[in-house]
Amino acid sequence: MEFWDIVKIVAILGAIFIVLVLILLAIPGSRLRKAFSAIYFIVAALLGVYVVSPIDFIPDLIPLLGQSDDALASVIAVANVVAGIILYFKRRSSQPELQNKR
């Protein structure tokens, strides 16, 4: 098996996994939806550690590409924080016990 065959298999399995997660998130009252806001914050924290760490996937010595992985990680981290906050407040506003107290 060659390298690109393995990459194709991993890409296909990753796409299937993402589709399954999206389907589970679409189900109302899913436990996965409740846990996802925490997952967003964990991913954002890990990406923040990656940005400040001296270890990179693409070394910073390569012009433009070296800084682009840090920039991309920063953008994804900010997007994860925003998505986590939005999901947290959506989940909080949809809880029945909070609506009964109002």
N, C-alpha and C. Protein backbone atom coordinates (compact mmCIF):
# COMPACT_ATOMS: atom_id res chain seq x y z
N MET A 1 0.83 -1.17 0.00
CA MET A 1 0.00 0.00 0.00
C MET A 1 0.89 1.24 0.00
N GLU A 2 0.61 2.17 -0.89
CA GLU A 2 1.42 3.37 -1.00
C GLU A 2 0.89 4.46 -0.07
N PHE A 3 1.72 5.47 0.10
CA PHE A 3 1.38 6.57 0.99
C PHE A 3 0.07 7.24 0.59
N TRP A 4 -0.11 7.53 -0.67
CA TRP A 4 -1.31 8.26 -1.11
C TRP A 4 -2.57 7.40 -1.01
N ASP A 5 -2.41 6.08 -1.07
CA ASP A 5 -3.56 5.21 -0.82
C ASP A 5 -4.02 5.31 0.63
N ILE A 6 -3.04 5.37 1.53
CA ILE A 6 -3.36 5.52 2.95
C ILE A 6 -4.00 6.88 3.20
N VAL A 7 -3.48 7.92 2.55
CA VAL A 7 -4.05 9.26 2.71
C VAL A 7 -5.49 9.29 2.22
N LYS A 8 -5.77 8.63 1.10
CA LYS A 8 -7.14 8.58 0.58
C LYS A 8 -8.08 7.86 1.55
N ILE A 9 -7.62 6.75 2.11
CA ILE A 9 -8.44 5.99 3.06
C ILE A 9 -8.72 6.82 4.31
N VAL A 10 -7.69 7.49 4.81
CA VAL A 10 -7.86 8.33 6.01
C VAL A 10 -8.81 9.48 5.70
N ALA A 11 -8.71 10.08 4.52
CA ALA A 11 -9.60 11.18 4.14
C ALA A 11 -11.05 10.70 4.03
N ILE A 12 -11.26 9.54 3.46
CA ILE A 12 -12.62 8.99 3.33
C ILE A 12 -13.19 8.66 4.70
N LEU A 13 -12.41 8.01 5.56
CA LEU A 13 -12.89 7.68 6.90
C LEU A 13 -13.14 8.95 7.72
N GLY A 14 -12.29 9.95 7.54
CA GLY A 14 -12.51 11.22 8.23
C GLY A 14 -13.79 11.89 7.79
N ALA A 15 -14.07 11.86 6.49
CA ALA A 15 -15.30 12.47 5.96
C ALA A 15 -16.53 11.72 6.49
N ILE A 16 -16.46 10.41 6.54
CA ILE A 16 -17.57 9.61 7.07
C ILE A 16 -17.79 9.94 8.54
N PHE A 17 -16.72 10.06 9.30
CA PHE A 17 -16.81 10.40 10.71
C PHE A 17 -17.45 11.77 10.90
N ILE A 18 -17.04 12.74 10.11
CA ILE A 18 -17.60 14.09 10.21
C ILE A 18 -19.08 14.08 9.89
N VAL A 19 -19.48 13.34 8.85
CA VAL A 19 -20.90 13.26 8.50
C VAL A 19 -21.70 12.62 9.62
N LEU A 20 -21.18 11.57 10.23
CA LEU A 20 -21.88 10.92 11.34
C LEU A 20 -22.03 11.85 12.54
N VAL A 21 -20.98 12.60 12.83
CA VAL A 21 -21.05 13.56 13.94
C VAL A 21 -22.08 14.64 13.64
N LEU A 22 -22.11 15.13 12.41
CA LEU A 22 -23.10 16.15 12.04
C LEU A 22 -24.52 15.61 12.13
N ILE A 23 -24.72 14.36 11.76
CA ILE A 23 -26.05 13.75 11.89
C ILE A 23 -26.44 13.64 13.36
N LEU A 24 -25.50 13.22 14.21
CA LEU A 24 -25.80 13.12 15.63
C LEU A 24 -26.06 14.49 16.26
N LEU A 25 -25.39 15.51 15.77
CA LEU A 25 -25.63 16.86 16.28
C LEU A 25 -26.99 17.40 15.86
N ALA A 26 -27.50 16.93 14.75
CA ALA A 26 -28.79 17.41 14.25
C ALA A 26 -29.97 16.81 15.01
N ILE A 27 -29.75 15.75 15.74
CA ILE A 27 -30.82 15.12 16.51
C ILE A 27 -31.11 15.97 17.74
N PRO A 28 -32.36 16.41 17.92
CA PRO A 28 -32.70 17.22 19.10
C PRO A 28 -32.49 16.44 20.39
N GLY A 29 -31.89 17.08 21.39
CA GLY A 29 -31.67 16.44 22.68
C GLY A 29 -30.51 15.46 22.69
N SER A 30 -29.67 15.51 21.69
CA SER A 30 -28.55 14.59 21.60
C SER A 30 -27.53 14.88 22.69
N ARG A 31 -27.00 13.85 23.32
CA ARG A 31 -25.97 14.03 24.33
C ARG A 31 -24.68 14.58 23.72
N LEU A 32 -24.47 14.26 22.47
CA LEU A 32 -23.28 14.76 21.79
C LEU A 32 -23.32 16.28 21.67
N ARG A 33 -24.50 16.82 21.46
CA ARG A 33 -24.65 18.28 21.37
C ARG A 33 -24.27 18.94 22.69
N LYS A 34 -24.61 18.28 23.79
CA LYS A 34 -24.28 18.85 25.10
C LYS A 34 -22.77 18.86 25.34
N ALA A 35 -22.09 17.85 24.85
CA ALA A 35 -20.65 17.75 25.08
C ALA A 35 -19.84 18.58 24.09
N PHE A 36 -20.46 18.98 22.99
CA PHE A 36 -19.71 19.63 21.93
C PHE A 36 -19.18 21.00 22.30
N SER A 37 -19.88 21.75 23.16
CA SER A 37 -19.37 23.06 23.53
C SER A 37 -18.05 22.91 24.28
N ALA A 38 -17.92 21.89 25.09
CA ALA A 38 -16.66 21.65 25.78
C ALA A 38 -15.57 21.22 24.81
N ILE A 39 -15.94 20.44 23.82
CA ILE A 39 -14.96 19.98 22.83
C ILE A 39 -14.41 21.16 22.03
N TYR A 40 -15.27 22.12 21.70
CA TYR A 40 -14.81 23.32 20.99
C TYR A 40 -13.74 24.05 21.80
N PHE A 41 -13.96 24.20 23.10
CA PHE A 41 -13.00 24.91 23.94
C PHE A 41 -11.70 24.12 24.09
N ILE A 42 -11.80 22.81 24.16
CA ILE A 42 -10.59 21.98 24.26
C ILE A 42 -9.75 22.10 22.99
N VAL A 43 -10.41 22.03 21.84
CA VAL A 43 -9.69 22.17 20.57
C VAL A 43 -9.05 23.55 20.47
N ALA A 44 -9.76 24.58 20.89
CA ALA A 44 -9.21 25.94 20.85
C ALA A 44 -7.99 26.05 21.76
N ALA A 45 -8.05 25.44 22.93
CA ALA A 45 -6.90 25.47 23.84
C ALA A 45 -5.70 24.74 23.25
N LEU A 46 -5.95 23.58 22.65
CA LEU A 46 -4.85 22.83 22.04
C LEU A 46 -4.23 23.60 20.88
N LEU A 47 -5.06 24.26 20.08
CA LEU A 47 -4.53 25.07 18.99
C LEU A 47 -3.76 26.27 19.51
N GLY A 48 -4.20 26.84 20.61
CA GLY A 48 -3.45 27.94 21.22
C GLY A 48 -2.07 27.49 21.69
N VAL A 49 -2.01 26.30 22.27
CA VAL A 49 -0.71 25.75 22.69
C VAL A 49 0.16 25.50 21.46
N TYR A 50 -0.44 25.01 20.38
CA TYR A 50 0.32 24.76 19.15
C TYR A 50 0.91 26.06 18.59
N VAL A 51 0.14 27.12 18.64
CA VAL A 51 0.61 28.40 18.07
C VAL A 51 1.81 28.92 18.84
N VAL A 52 1.80 28.82 20.16
CA VAL A 52 2.90 29.37 20.95
C VAL A 52 4.06 28.40 21.11
N SER A 53 3.87 27.13 20.76
CA SER A 53 4.96 26.17 20.92
C SER A 53 5.98 26.31 19.80
N PRO A 54 7.21 25.96 20.08
CA PRO A 54 8.25 26.06 19.03
C PRO A 54 8.18 24.92 18.01
N ILE A 55 7.37 23.91 18.26
CA ILE A 55 7.25 22.78 17.35
C ILE A 55 6.14 23.07 16.35
N ASP A 56 6.45 22.97 15.07
CA ASP A 56 5.48 23.26 14.01
C ASP A 56 5.44 22.11 13.02
N PHE A 57 4.29 21.97 12.33
CA PHE A 57 4.21 21.02 11.24
C PHE A 57 5.05 21.50 10.06
N ILE A 58 4.97 22.78 9.81
CA ILE A 58 5.77 23.40 8.75
C ILE A 58 6.74 24.37 9.45
N PRO A 59 8.05 24.17 9.34
CA PRO A 59 9.00 25.04 10.04
C PRO A 59 8.85 26.50 9.61
N ASP A 60 9.08 27.40 10.57
CA ASP A 60 8.95 28.82 10.29
C ASP A 60 10.06 29.34 9.37
N LEU A 61 11.07 28.55 9.12
CA LEU A 61 12.15 28.96 8.23
C LEU A 61 11.71 29.02 6.77
N ILE A 62 10.64 28.30 6.42
CA ILE A 62 10.11 28.32 5.06
C ILE A 62 9.27 29.58 4.91
N PRO A 63 9.63 30.48 3.99
CA PRO A 63 8.89 31.75 3.87
C PRO A 63 7.41 31.52 3.53
N LEU A 64 6.55 32.28 4.17
CA LEU A 64 5.10 32.28 4.02
C LEU A 64 4.43 31.01 4.53
N LEU A 65 4.91 29.86 4.13
CA LEU A 65 4.28 28.61 4.58
C LEU A 65 4.48 28.38 6.08
N GLY A 66 5.63 28.77 6.58
CA GLY A 66 5.93 28.58 7.99
C GLY A 66 5.01 29.36 8.90
N GLN A 67 4.66 30.56 8.48
CA GLN A 67 3.76 31.39 9.28
C GLN A 67 2.30 31.08 8.99
N SER A 68 2.02 30.51 7.83
CA SER A 68 0.63 30.27 7.46
C SER A 68 -0.01 29.19 8.34
N ASP A 69 0.74 28.18 8.78
CA ASP A 69 0.13 27.17 9.64
C ASP A 69 -0.21 27.76 11.00
N ASP A 70 0.62 28.67 11.52
CA ASP A 70 0.29 29.34 12.77
C ASP A 70 -0.93 30.25 12.61
N ALA A 71 -1.00 30.96 11.50
CA ALA A 71 -2.15 31.84 11.25
C ALA A 71 -3.43 31.02 11.11
N LEU A 72 -3.36 29.92 10.40
CA LEU A 72 -4.54 29.07 10.23
C LEU A 72 -4.98 28.47 11.57
N ALA A 73 -4.02 28.05 12.38
CA ALA A 73 -4.36 27.51 13.69
C ALA A 73 -5.01 28.59 14.57
N SER A 74 -4.53 29.82 14.46
CA SER A 74 -5.12 30.92 15.24
C SER A 74 -6.55 31.20 14.81
N VAL A 75 -6.79 31.22 13.50
CA VAL A 75 -8.14 31.47 12.99
C VAL A 75 -9.09 30.35 13.42
N ILE A 76 -8.63 29.11 13.31
CA ILE A 76 -9.48 27.98 13.71
C ILE A 76 -9.75 28.01 15.21
N ALA A 77 -8.76 28.41 16.02
CA ALA A 77 -8.95 28.50 17.47
C ALA A 77 -10.01 29.55 17.81
N VAL A 78 -9.93 30.71 17.17
CA VAL A 78 -10.93 31.76 17.44
C VAL A 78 -12.32 31.29 16.99
N ALA A 79 -12.39 30.63 15.83
CA ALA A 79 -13.68 30.12 15.35
C ALA A 79 -14.24 29.08 16.31
N ASN A 80 -13.39 28.24 16.88
CA ASN A 80 -13.86 27.24 17.84
C ASN A 80 -14.37 27.88 19.12
N VAL A 81 -13.70 28.94 19.58
CA VAL A 81 -14.17 29.62 20.79
C VAL A 81 -15.54 30.25 20.53
N VAL A 82 -15.69 30.91 19.39
CA VAL A 82 -16.98 31.54 19.06
C VAL A 82 -18.07 30.47 18.93
N ALA A 83 -17.78 29.38 18.24
CA ALA A 83 -18.76 28.30 18.08
C ALA A 83 -19.11 27.67 19.42
N GLY A 84 -18.13 27.51 20.28
CA GLY A 84 -18.39 26.94 21.60
C GLY A 84 -19.28 27.84 22.44
N ILE A 85 -19.04 29.15 22.37
CA ILE A 85 -19.87 30.09 23.12
C ILE A 85 -21.30 30.08 22.58
N ILE A 86 -21.44 30.10 21.26
CA ILE A 86 -22.78 30.07 20.66
C ILE A 86 -23.51 28.79 21.05
N LEU A 87 -22.84 27.65 20.96
CA LEU A 87 -23.47 26.37 21.30
C LEU A 87 -23.83 26.31 22.78
N TYR A 88 -22.97 26.86 23.61
CA TYR A 88 -23.24 26.88 25.06
C TYR A 88 -24.51 27.67 25.35
N PHE A 89 -24.63 28.86 24.78
CA PHE A 89 -25.80 29.68 25.05
C PHE A 89 -27.07 29.11 24.41
N LYS A 90 -26.94 28.46 23.26
CA LYS A 90 -28.10 27.79 22.67
C LYS A 90 -28.58 26.65 23.56
N ARG A 91 -27.64 25.89 24.05
CA ARG A 91 -27.99 24.76 24.91
C ARG A 91 -28.60 25.27 26.21
N ARG A 92 -28.03 26.34 26.73
CA ARG A 92 -28.52 26.90 27.99
C ARG A 92 -29.94 27.46 27.83
N SER A 93 -30.22 28.10 26.70
CA SER A 93 -31.54 28.69 26.50
C SER A 93 -32.60 27.64 26.17
N SER A 94 -32.18 26.45 25.74
CA SER A 94 -33.15 25.43 25.37
C SER A 94 -33.46 24.46 26.51
N GLN A 95 -32.85 24.66 27.67
CA GLN A 95 -33.11 23.77 28.81
C GLN A 95 -34.48 24.08 29.39
N PRO A 96 -35.32 23.05 29.58
CA PRO A 96 -36.69 23.30 30.04
C PRO A 96 -36.78 23.88 31.45
N GLU A 97 -35.86 23.53 32.36
CA GLU A 97 -35.98 24.03 33.73
C GLU A 97 -35.71 25.53 33.81
N LEU A 98 -34.91 26.05 32.89
CA LEU A 98 -34.68 27.50 32.87
C LEU A 98 -35.90 28.24 32.33
N GLN A 99 -36.62 27.64 31.40
CA GLN A 99 -37.78 28.28 30.83
C GLN A 99 -38.96 28.30 31.81
N ASN A 100 -39.03 27.29 32.68
CA ASN A 100 -40.14 27.24 33.66
C ASN A 100 -39.98 28.28 34.76
N LYS A 101 -38.74 28.67 35.08
CA LYS A 101 -38.51 29.62 36.15
C LYS A 101 -38.82 31.04 35.74
N ARG A 102 -38.87 31.33 34.46
CA ARG A 102 -39.11 32.69 33.97
C ARG A 102 -40.52 33.11 34.08
